[in-house]
Full PDB file with SEQRES, HELIX, SHEET, SSBOND, CRYST1, ORIGX, SCALE, CONECT and MASTER records, all heavy atoms in Angstrom:
SEQRES   1 A   32  GLY VAL ALA ILE THR GLY MET GLY ILE ILE SER SER ILE          
SEQRES   2 A   32  GLY ASN ASN VAL GLU GLU ASN TYR ARG SER LEU ILE GLU          
SEQRES   3 A   32  GLY LYS THR GLY ILE THR                                      
HELIX    1 AA1 VAL A   17  GLU A   26  1                                  10    
CRYST1    1.000    1.000    1.000  90.00  90.00  90.00 P 1           1          
ORIGX1      1.000000  0.000000  0.000000        0.00000                         
ORIGX2      0.000000  1.000000  0.000000        0.00000                         
ORIGX3      0.000000  0.000000  1.000000        0.00000                         
SCALE1      1.000000  0.000000  0.000000        0.00000                         
SCALE2      0.000000  1.000000  0.000000        0.00000                         
SCALE3      0.000000  0.000000  1.000000        0.00000                         
ATOM      1  N   GLY A   1     -24.590   0.006   8.930  1.00  0.00           N  
ATOM      2  CA  GLY A   1     -23.273   0.356   8.348  1.00  0.00           C  
ATOM      3  C   GLY A   1     -22.381  -0.846   8.238  1.00  0.00           C  
ATOM      4  O   GLY A   1     -22.505  -1.872   8.804  1.00  0.00           O  
ATOM      5  N   VAL A   2     -21.448  -0.702   7.232  1.00  0.00           N  
ATOM      6  CA  VAL A   2     -20.423  -1.699   7.010  1.00  0.00           C  
ATOM      7  C   VAL A   2     -19.120  -0.934   7.191  1.00  0.00           C  
ATOM      8  O   VAL A   2     -18.700  -0.207   6.311  1.00  0.00           O  
ATOM      9  CB  VAL A   2     -20.508  -2.329   5.610  1.00  0.00           C  
ATOM     10  CG1 VAL A   2     -19.444  -3.314   5.509  1.00  0.00           C  
ATOM     11  CG2 VAL A   2     -21.850  -2.957   5.455  1.00  0.00           C  
ATOM     12  N   ALA A   3     -18.424  -1.184   8.323  1.00  0.00           N  
ATOM     13  CA  ALA A   3     -17.264  -0.522   8.730  1.00  0.00           C  
ATOM     14  C   ALA A   3     -16.018  -1.256   8.255  1.00  0.00           C  
ATOM     15  O   ALA A   3     -15.997  -2.510   8.374  1.00  0.00           O  
ATOM     16  CB  ALA A   3     -17.196  -0.218  10.217  1.00  0.00           C  
ATOM     17  N   ILE A   4     -14.973  -0.540   7.797  1.00  0.00           N  
ATOM     18  CA  ILE A   4     -13.662  -1.134   7.465  1.00  0.00           C  
ATOM     19  C   ILE A   4     -12.838  -0.825   8.672  1.00  0.00           C  
ATOM     20  O   ILE A   4     -12.569   0.321   9.000  1.00  0.00           O  
ATOM     21  CB  ILE A   4     -12.997  -0.532   6.179  1.00  0.00           C  
ATOM     22  CG1 ILE A   4     -13.931  -0.839   4.979  1.00  0.00           C  
ATOM     23  CG2 ILE A   4     -11.670  -1.129   5.951  1.00  0.00           C  
ATOM     24  CD1 ILE A   4     -13.532   0.014   3.786  1.00  0.00           C  
ATOM     25  N   THR A   5     -12.329  -1.877   9.323  1.00  0.00           N  
ATOM     26  CA  THR A   5     -11.579  -1.653  10.605  1.00  0.00           C  
ATOM     27  C   THR A   5     -10.168  -2.190  10.529  1.00  0.00           C  
ATOM     28  O   THR A   5      -9.415  -2.071  11.491  1.00  0.00           O  
ATOM     29  CB  THR A   5     -12.363  -2.400  11.804  1.00  0.00           C  
ATOM     30  OG1 THR A   5     -12.335  -3.759  11.462  1.00  0.00           O  
ATOM     31  CG2 THR A   5     -13.670  -1.782  12.053  1.00  0.00           C  
ATOM     32  N   GLY A   6      -9.814  -2.789   9.427  1.00  0.00           N  
ATOM     33  CA  GLY A   6      -8.421  -3.245   9.243  1.00  0.00           C  
ATOM     34  C   GLY A   6      -8.139  -3.472   7.816  1.00  0.00           C  
ATOM     35  O   GLY A   6      -8.932  -3.828   6.988  1.00  0.00           O  
ATOM     36  N   MET A   7      -6.816  -3.353   7.477  1.00  0.00           N  
ATOM     37  CA  MET A   7      -6.337  -3.500   6.107  1.00  0.00           C  
ATOM     38  C   MET A   7      -4.964  -4.154   6.111  1.00  0.00           C  
ATOM     39  O   MET A   7      -4.124  -3.878   6.980  1.00  0.00           O  
ATOM     40  CB  MET A   7      -6.362  -2.235   5.265  1.00  0.00           C  
ATOM     41  CG  MET A   7      -7.607  -1.384   5.200  1.00  0.00           C  
ATOM     42  SD  MET A   7      -7.548  -0.026   4.157  1.00  0.00           S  
ATOM     43  CE  MET A   7      -6.196   1.037   4.841  1.00  0.00           C  
ATOM     44  N   GLY A   8      -4.717  -4.964   5.099  1.00  0.00           N  
ATOM     45  CA  GLY A   8      -3.410  -5.627   4.940  1.00  0.00           C  
ATOM     46  C   GLY A   8      -3.069  -5.665   3.409  1.00  0.00           C  
ATOM     47  O   GLY A   8      -3.976  -5.931   2.674  1.00  0.00           O  
ATOM     48  N   ILE A   9      -1.824  -5.506   3.081  1.00  0.00           N  
ATOM     49  CA  ILE A   9      -1.503  -5.573   1.598  1.00  0.00           C  
ATOM     50  C   ILE A   9      -0.023  -5.879   1.509  1.00  0.00           C  
ATOM     51  O   ILE A   9       0.843  -5.513   2.310  1.00  0.00           O  
ATOM     52  CB  ILE A   9      -1.781  -4.174   0.966  1.00  0.00           C  
ATOM     53  CG1 ILE A   9      -1.565  -4.150  -0.429  1.00  0.00           C  
ATOM     54  CG2 ILE A   9      -0.991  -3.065   1.713  1.00  0.00           C  
ATOM     55  CD1 ILE A   9      -2.055  -2.983  -1.173  1.00  0.00           C  
ATOM     56  N   ILE A  10       0.273  -6.584   0.411  1.00  0.00           N  
ATOM     57  CA  ILE A  10       1.690  -6.835  -0.075  1.00  0.00           C  
ATOM     58  C   ILE A  10       1.677  -6.746  -1.591  1.00  0.00           C  
ATOM     59  O   ILE A  10       0.817  -7.311  -2.190  1.00  0.00           O  
ATOM     60  CB  ILE A  10       2.234  -8.112   0.488  1.00  0.00           C  
ATOM     61  CG1 ILE A  10       3.696  -8.282   0.019  1.00  0.00           C  
ATOM     62  CG2 ILE A  10       1.388  -9.304   0.054  1.00  0.00           C  
ATOM     63  CD1 ILE A  10       4.495  -9.470   0.625  1.00  0.00           C  
ATOM     64  N   SER A  11       2.541  -5.896  -2.097  1.00  0.00           N  
ATOM     65  CA  SER A  11       2.541  -5.676  -3.538  1.00  0.00           C  
ATOM     66  C   SER A  11       3.958  -5.257  -3.978  1.00  0.00           C  
ATOM     67  O   SER A  11       4.896  -5.299  -3.143  1.00  0.00           O  
ATOM     68  CB  SER A  11       1.575  -4.459  -3.929  1.00  0.00           C  
ATOM     69  OG  SER A  11       2.267  -3.247  -3.612  1.00  0.00           O  
ATOM     70  N   SER A  12       4.134  -5.033  -5.224  1.00  0.00           N  
ATOM     71  CA  SER A  12       5.460  -4.635  -5.712  1.00  0.00           C  
ATOM     72  C   SER A  12       5.942  -3.292  -5.245  1.00  0.00           C  
ATOM     73  O   SER A  12       7.158  -2.899  -5.393  1.00  0.00           O  
ATOM     74  CB  SER A  12       5.482  -4.712  -7.287  1.00  0.00           C  
ATOM     75  OG  SER A  12       4.620  -3.730  -7.815  1.00  0.00           O  
ATOM     76  N   ILE A  13       5.100  -2.517  -4.576  1.00  0.00           N  
ATOM     77  CA  ILE A  13       5.521  -1.191  -4.110  1.00  0.00           C  
ATOM     78  C   ILE A  13       5.571  -1.190  -2.588  1.00  0.00           C  
ATOM     79  O   ILE A  13       5.858  -0.144  -1.923  1.00  0.00           O  
ATOM     80  CB  ILE A  13       4.774   0.009  -4.596  1.00  0.00           C  
ATOM     81  CG1 ILE A  13       3.299  -0.086  -4.178  1.00  0.00           C  
ATOM     82  CG2 ILE A  13       4.849   0.105  -6.114  1.00  0.00           C  
ATOM     83  CD1 ILE A  13       2.498   1.095  -4.426  1.00  0.00           C  
ATOM     84  N   GLY A  14       5.424  -2.313  -1.899  1.00  0.00           N  
ATOM     85  CA  GLY A  14       5.421  -2.326  -0.463  1.00  0.00           C  
ATOM     86  C   GLY A  14       4.976  -3.557   0.132  1.00  0.00           C  
ATOM     87  O   GLY A  14       4.126  -4.297  -0.404  1.00  0.00           O  
ATOM     88  N   ASN A  15       5.511  -3.926   1.257  1.00  0.00           N  
ATOM     89  CA  ASN A  15       5.213  -5.250   2.014  1.00  0.00           C  
ATOM     90  C   ASN A  15       4.144  -5.061   2.998  1.00  0.00           C  
ATOM     91  O   ASN A  15       3.760  -5.999   3.720  1.00  0.00           O  
ATOM     92  CB  ASN A  15       6.404  -5.770   2.618  1.00  0.00           C  
ATOM     93  CG  ASN A  15       7.534  -6.062   1.605  1.00  0.00           C  
ATOM     94  OD1 ASN A  15       7.279  -6.527   0.526  1.00  0.00           O  
ATOM     95  ND2 ASN A  15       8.705  -5.653   1.939  1.00  0.00           N  
ATOM     96  N   ASN A  16       3.582  -3.878   3.193  1.00  0.00           N  
ATOM     97  CA  ASN A  16       2.460  -3.550   4.202  1.00  0.00           C  
ATOM     98  C   ASN A  16       1.839  -2.242   3.775  1.00  0.00           C  
ATOM     99  O   ASN A  16       2.220  -1.661   2.773  1.00  0.00           O  
ATOM    100  CB  ASN A  16       3.108  -3.441   5.586  1.00  0.00           C  
ATOM    101  CG  ASN A  16       4.264  -2.512   5.706  1.00  0.00           C  
ATOM    102  OD1 ASN A  16       4.117  -1.422   5.295  1.00  0.00           O  
ATOM    103  ND2 ASN A  16       5.362  -3.031   6.362  1.00  0.00           N  
ATOM    104  N   VAL A  17       0.826  -1.862   4.492  1.00  0.00           N  
ATOM    105  CA  VAL A  17       0.003  -0.693   4.192  1.00  0.00           C  
ATOM    106  C   VAL A  17       0.861   0.563   4.219  1.00  0.00           C  
ATOM    107  O   VAL A  17       0.914   1.413   3.276  1.00  0.00           O  
ATOM    108  CB  VAL A  17      -1.224  -0.515   5.199  1.00  0.00           C  
ATOM    109  CG1 VAL A  17      -1.799   0.787   4.984  1.00  0.00           C  
ATOM    110  CG2 VAL A  17      -2.121  -1.733   5.050  1.00  0.00           C  
ATOM    111  N   GLU A  18       1.708   0.673   5.230  1.00  0.00           N  
ATOM    112  CA  GLU A  18       2.571   1.849   5.361  1.00  0.00           C  
ATOM    113  C   GLU A  18       3.581   1.970   4.166  1.00  0.00           C  
ATOM    114  O   GLU A  18       3.712   3.183   3.611  1.00  0.00           O  
ATOM    115  CB  GLU A  18       3.382   1.898   6.694  1.00  0.00           C  
ATOM    116  CG  GLU A  18       2.507   2.025   7.933  1.00  0.00           C  
ATOM    117  CD  GLU A  18       1.754   0.771   8.169  1.00  0.00           C  
ATOM    118  OE1 GLU A  18       2.103  -0.386   7.685  1.00  0.00           O  
ATOM    119  OE2 GLU A  18       0.818   0.825   9.011  1.00  0.00           O  
ATOM    120  N   GLU A  19       4.089   1.036   3.710  1.00  0.00           N  
ATOM    121  CA  GLU A  19       5.135   1.019   2.604  1.00  0.00           C  
ATOM    122  C   GLU A  19       4.387   1.357   1.318  1.00  0.00           C  
ATOM    123  O   GLU A  19       4.915   2.069   0.485  1.00  0.00           O  
ATOM    124  CB  GLU A  19       5.908  -0.397   2.509  1.00  0.00           C  
ATOM    125  CG  GLU A  19       6.921  -0.550   3.678  1.00  0.00           C  
ATOM    126  CD  GLU A  19       7.647  -1.802   3.521  1.00  0.00           C  
ATOM    127  OE1 GLU A  19       7.557  -2.413   2.429  1.00  0.00           O  
ATOM    128  OE2 GLU A  19       8.380  -2.142   4.499  1.00  0.00           O  
ATOM    129  N   ASN A  20       3.238   0.686   1.121  1.00  0.00           N  
ATOM    130  CA  ASN A  20       2.492   1.004  -0.103  1.00  0.00           C  
ATOM    131  C   ASN A  20       2.118   2.509  -0.176  1.00  0.00           C  
ATOM    132  O   ASN A  20       2.235   3.081  -1.156  1.00  0.00           O  
ATOM    133  CB  ASN A  20       1.245   0.172  -0.124  1.00  0.00           C  
ATOM    134  CG  ASN A  20       1.518  -1.192  -0.777  1.00  0.00           C  
ATOM    135  OD1 ASN A  20       1.175  -1.454  -1.972  1.00  0.00           O  
ATOM    136  ND2 ASN A  20       1.992  -2.134  -0.102  1.00  0.00           N  
ATOM    137  N   TYR A  21       1.597   3.048   0.867  1.00  0.00           N  
ATOM    138  CA  TYR A  21       1.218   4.428   0.927  1.00  0.00           C  
ATOM    139  C   TYR A  21       2.464   5.271   0.685  1.00  0.00           C  
ATOM    140  O   TYR A  21       2.303   6.332  -0.135  1.00  0.00           O  
ATOM    141  CB  TYR A  21       0.568   4.882   2.230  1.00  0.00           C  
ATOM    142  CG  TYR A  21       0.180   6.394   2.289  1.00  0.00           C  
ATOM    143  CD1 TYR A  21      -0.878   6.789   1.501  1.00  0.00           C  
ATOM    144  CD2 TYR A  21       0.750   7.176   3.173  1.00  0.00           C  
ATOM    145  CE1 TYR A  21      -1.309   8.153   1.461  1.00  0.00           C  
ATOM    146  CE2 TYR A  21       0.450   8.535   3.173  1.00  0.00           C  
ATOM    147  CZ  TYR A  21      -0.544   8.972   2.312  1.00  0.00           C  
ATOM    148  OH  TYR A  21      -0.907  10.325   2.362  1.00  0.00           O  
ATOM    149  N   ARG A  22       3.574   5.092   1.211  1.00  0.00           N  
ATOM    150  CA  ARG A  22       4.712   5.916   0.997  1.00  0.00           C  
ATOM    151  C   ARG A  22       5.129   5.866  -0.443  1.00  0.00           C  
ATOM    152  O   ARG A  22       5.493   6.931  -1.039  1.00  0.00           O  
ATOM    153  CB  ARG A  22       5.943   5.339   1.843  1.00  0.00           C  
ATOM    154  CG  ARG A  22       7.116   6.345   1.929  1.00  0.00           C  
ATOM    155  CD  ARG A  22       8.200   5.728   2.852  1.00  0.00           C  
ATOM    156  NE  ARG A  22       7.677   5.378   4.197  1.00  0.00           N  
ATOM    157  CZ  ARG A  22       7.857   4.139   4.603  1.00  0.00           C  
ATOM    158  NH1 ARG A  22       8.484   3.240   3.943  1.00  0.00           N  
ATOM    159  NH2 ARG A  22       7.362   3.824   5.769  1.00  0.00           N  
ATOM    160  N   SER A  23       5.104   4.761  -1.085  1.00  0.00           N  
ATOM    161  CA  SER A  23       5.335   4.628  -2.595  1.00  0.00           C  
ATOM    162  C   SER A  23       4.414   5.435  -3.328  1.00  0.00           C  
ATOM    163  O   SER A  23       4.764   6.082  -4.306  1.00  0.00           O  
ATOM    164  CB  SER A  23       5.422   3.148  -2.980  1.00  0.00           C  
ATOM    165  OG  SER A  23       6.372   2.437  -2.468  1.00  0.00           O  
ATOM    166  N   LEU A  24       3.135   5.373  -3.012  1.00  0.00           N  
ATOM    167  CA  LEU A  24       2.146   6.049  -3.733  1.00  0.00           C  
ATOM    168  C   LEU A  24       2.402   7.690  -3.685  1.00  0.00           C  
ATOM    169  O   LEU A  24       2.168   8.296  -4.749  1.00  0.00           O  
ATOM    170  CB  LEU A  24       0.693   5.717  -3.117  1.00  0.00           C  
ATOM    171  CG  LEU A  24       0.117   4.406  -3.418  1.00  0.00           C  
ATOM    172  CD1 LEU A  24      -1.049   4.116  -2.564  1.00  0.00           C  
ATOM    173  CD2 LEU A  24      -0.218   4.177  -4.972  1.00  0.00           C  
ATOM    174  N   ILE A  25       2.608   8.180  -2.521  1.00  0.00           N  
ATOM    175  CA  ILE A  25       2.783   9.609  -2.454  1.00  0.00           C  
ATOM    176  C   ILE A  25       4.121  10.058  -2.900  1.00  0.00           C  
ATOM    177  O   ILE A  25       4.353  11.284  -3.301  1.00  0.00           O  
ATOM    178  CB  ILE A  25       2.519  10.056  -1.086  1.00  0.00           C  
ATOM    179  CG1 ILE A  25       3.594   9.551  -0.052  1.00  0.00           C  
ATOM    180  CG2 ILE A  25       1.109   9.844  -0.567  1.00  0.00           C  
ATOM    181  CD1 ILE A  25       3.465  10.142   1.377  1.00  0.00           C  
ATOM    182  N   GLU A  26       5.144   9.078  -2.948  1.00  0.00           N  
ATOM    183  CA  GLU A  26       6.368   9.493  -3.581  1.00  0.00           C  
ATOM    184  C   GLU A  26       6.520   9.211  -5.099  1.00  0.00           C  
ATOM    185  O   GLU A  26       7.542   9.428  -5.745  1.00  0.00           O  
ATOM    186  CB  GLU A  26       7.483   8.702  -2.831  1.00  0.00           C  
ATOM    187  CG  GLU A  26       7.658   9.176  -1.380  1.00  0.00           C  
ATOM    188  CD  GLU A  26       8.669   8.280  -0.681  1.00  0.00           C  
ATOM    189  OE1 GLU A  26       9.192   7.321  -1.258  1.00  0.00           O  
ATOM    190  OE2 GLU A  26       8.939   8.598   0.508  1.00  0.00           O  
ATOM    191  N   GLY A  27       5.429   8.611  -5.664  1.00  0.00           N  
ATOM    192  CA  GLY A  27       5.471   8.337  -7.099  1.00  0.00           C  
ATOM    193  C   GLY A  27       6.422   7.171  -7.410  1.00  0.00           C  
ATOM    194  O   GLY A  27       6.940   7.264  -8.505  1.00  0.00           O  
ATOM    195  N   LYS A  28       6.579   6.233  -6.612  1.00  0.00           N  
ATOM    196  CA  LYS A  28       7.581   5.123  -6.735  1.00  0.00           C  
ATOM    197  C   LYS A  28       6.841   3.980  -7.346  1.00  0.00           C  
ATOM    198  O   LYS A  28       6.078   3.375  -6.748  1.00  0.00           O  
ATOM    199  CB  LYS A  28       8.213   4.804  -5.423  1.00  0.00           C  
ATOM    200  CG  LYS A  28       9.139   3.657  -5.470  1.00  0.00           C  
ATOM    201  CD  LYS A  28       9.647   3.227  -4.120  1.00  0.00           C  
ATOM    202  CE  LYS A  28      10.543   2.073  -4.100  1.00  0.00           C  
ATOM    203  NZ  LYS A  28      11.010   1.631  -2.796  1.00  0.00           N  
ATOM    204  N   THR A  29       7.175   3.649  -8.607  1.00  0.00           N  
ATOM    205  CA  THR A  29       6.661   2.452  -9.322  1.00  0.00           C  
ATOM    206  C   THR A  29       7.303   1.194  -8.886  1.00  0.00           C  
ATOM    207  O   THR A  29       8.477   1.186  -8.530  1.00  0.00           O  
ATOM    208  CB  THR A  29       6.742   2.629 -10.763  1.00  0.00           C  
ATOM    209  OG1 THR A  29       6.079   1.463 -11.446  1.00  0.00           O  
ATOM    210  CG2 THR A  29       8.171   2.679 -11.248  1.00  0.00           C  
ATOM    211  N   GLY A  30       6.572   0.114  -8.988  1.00  0.00           N  
ATOM    212  CA  GLY A  30       7.178  -1.214  -8.757  1.00  0.00           C  
ATOM    213  C   GLY A  30       7.390  -2.075  -9.974  1.00  0.00           C  
ATOM    214  O   GLY A  30       7.664  -3.286  -9.925  1.00  0.00           O  
ATOM    215  N   ILE A  31       7.295  -1.460 -11.153  1.00  0.00           N  
ATOM    216  CA  ILE A  31       7.348  -2.075 -12.489  1.00  0.00           C  
ATOM    217  C   ILE A  31       8.780  -2.303 -12.873  1.00  0.00           C  
ATOM    218  O   ILE A  31       9.554  -1.273 -12.906  1.00  0.00           O  
ATOM    219  CB  ILE A  31       6.627  -1.303 -13.555  1.00  0.00           C  
ATOM    220  CG1 ILE A  31       5.220  -1.128 -13.109  1.00  0.00           C  
ATOM    221  CG2 ILE A  31       6.642  -2.090 -14.827  1.00  0.00           C  
ATOM    222  CD1 ILE A  31       4.281  -2.367 -12.772  1.00  0.00           C  
ATOM    223  N   THR A  32       9.211  -3.550 -13.139  1.00  0.00           N  
ATOM    224  CA  THR A  32      10.564  -3.864 -13.582  1.00  0.00           C  
ATOM    225  C   THR A  32      10.585  -4.984 -14.745  1.00  0.00           C  
ATOM    226  O   THR A  32       9.548  -5.456 -14.936  1.00  0.00           O  
ATOM    227  CB  THR A  32      11.401  -4.381 -12.428  1.00  0.00           C  
ATOM    228  OG1 THR A  32      10.816  -5.510 -11.835  1.00  0.00           O  
ATOM    229  CG2 THR A  32      11.543  -3.248 -11.285  1.00  0.00           C  
TER     230      THR A  32                                                      
MASTER        0    0    0    1    0    0    0    6  229    1    0    3          
END                                                                             
C-alpha cells in the first residue's frame, strides 16, 4: 500500500488544509 498520512496546502482560497476545505464547501472563490 501507499498511504497518505499528511497534507499541506496554501492557495488563493486558504492558507492551510482547513481553510481550503471551508472555502470549497462554502463555494468561496479566490479569483480576483
